[in-house]
C-alpha cells in the first residue's frame, strides 16, 4: 500500500484541540516515538507499541520529550501574541 502522507514532511510537533475537551491542550509528536500529550495534566498516550527492551530507554527519554512539547507550545503561543 502506498504511503498517503510522507511523515518526513510533517513538523515534529502539531498543536491540537477538540471542542469535546475545551480545557485540554494537545500536542502531537509525529516522529518516533509518536505520542499525544495533554498539557493540562501531562498525560501521555503513546501511538507506538514498544518492546520490553525499549521501555527503559523510553522512560529515560520521556521527561525530555514532555519538555520539548511544552517548549513547542510556549513558542507557538508567543507567536500568536506577536
Protein backbone atom coordinates (compact mmCIF):
# COMPACT_ATOMS: atom_id res chain seq x y z
CA UNK A 1 0.00 0.00 0.00
CA UNK A 2 1.35 3.41 -0.94
CA UNK A 3 2.04 5.79 1.95
CA UNK A 4 -0.55 8.58 1.79
CA UNK A 5 1.40 11.10 3.87
CA UNK A 6 5.15 11.39 3.81
CA UNK A 7 5.82 11.74 7.54
CA UNK A 8 9.20 13.31 6.87
CA UNK A 9 7.30 16.37 5.64
CA UNK A 10 5.28 16.72 8.84
CA UNK A 11 6.53 19.04 11.57
CA UNK A 12 7.87 17.30 14.66
CA UNK A 13 5.02 18.71 16.78
CA UNK A 14 1.43 19.66 15.99
CA UNK A 15 -0.93 21.62 18.21
CA UNK A 16 -4.41 20.13 18.57
CA UNK A 17 -7.66 20.93 20.26
CA UNK A 18 -11.10 19.39 20.47
CA UNK A 19 -14.36 21.06 21.43
CA UNK A 20 -15.32 17.97 23.43
CA UNK A 21 -12.37 18.78 25.72
CA UNK A 22 -12.42 22.59 25.91
CA UNK A 23 -9.90 22.87 28.78
CA UNK A 24 -7.33 20.50 27.25
CA UNK A 25 -4.32 21.38 25.12
CA UNK A 26 -2.98 18.55 22.98
CA UNK A 27 0.46 18.36 21.41
CA UNK A 28 1.02 15.59 18.86
CA UNK A 29 4.58 14.33 18.41
CA UNK A 30 4.79 12.97 14.86
CA UNK A 31 8.20 11.32 14.99
CA UNK A 32 9.25 8.12 16.73
CA UNK A 33 8.16 7.59 19.41
CA UNK A 34 4.83 9.09 18.35
CA UNK A 35 2.56 10.29 21.13
CA UNK A 36 -0.11 12.76 22.15
CA UNK A 37 0.39 14.74 25.34
CA UNK A 38 -2.31 16.67 27.11
CA UNK A 39 -0.54 19.69 28.59
CA UNK A 40 -3.38 20.21 31.05
CA UNK A 41 -2.10 17.30 33.14
CA UNK A 42 0.95 15.99 31.20
CA UNK A 43 -0.83 12.71 30.44
CA UNK A 44 0.77 10.88 27.51
CA UNK A 45 -0.86 8.48 25.08
CA UNK A 46 1.70 6.53 23.08
CA UNK A 47 0.89 5.76 19.46
CA UNK A 48 3.52 3.03 19.27
CA UNK A 49 3.89 -0.50 20.57
CA UNK A 50 7.13 -0.95 22.47
CA UNK A 51 9.27 -3.99 23.09
CA UNK A 52 10.12 -4.69 26.72
CA UNK A 53 13.75 -3.88 25.94
CA UNK A 54 12.74 -0.38 24.74
CA UNK A 55 10.80 0.59 27.86
CA UNK A 56 13.83 1.66 29.94
CA UNK A 57 15.08 3.87 27.14
CA UNK A 58 11.59 5.30 26.67
CA UNK A 59 11.20 6.05 30.38
CA UNK A 60 14.54 7.88 30.33
CA UNK A 61 13.58 9.94 27.26
CA UNK A 62 10.03 10.81 28.37
CA UNK A 63 10.87 13.87 30.52
CA UNK A 64 12.84 15.41 27.64
CA UNK A 65 10.01 14.71 25.19
CA UNK A 66 7.46 16.30 27.53
CA UNK A 67 9.71 19.34 27.94
CA UNK A 68 10.16 19.64 24.16
CA UNK A 69 6.37 19.50 23.69
CA UNK A 70 5.91 22.20 26.34
CA UNK A 71 8.59 24.36 24.72
CA UNK A 72 6.86 23.96 21.35
CA UNK A 73 3.56 25.09 22.86
CA UNK A 74 5.19 28.11 24.52
CA UNK A 75 6.84 29.07 21.22
CA UNK A 76 3.58 28.77 19.32
CA UNK A 77 1.70 30.85 21.87
CA UNK A 78 4.37 33.57 21.80
CA UNK A 79 3.92 33.78 18.02
CA UNK A 80 0.18 34.33 18.47
CA UNK A 81 0.90 37.12 20.94
CA UNK A 82 3.09 38.99 18.44
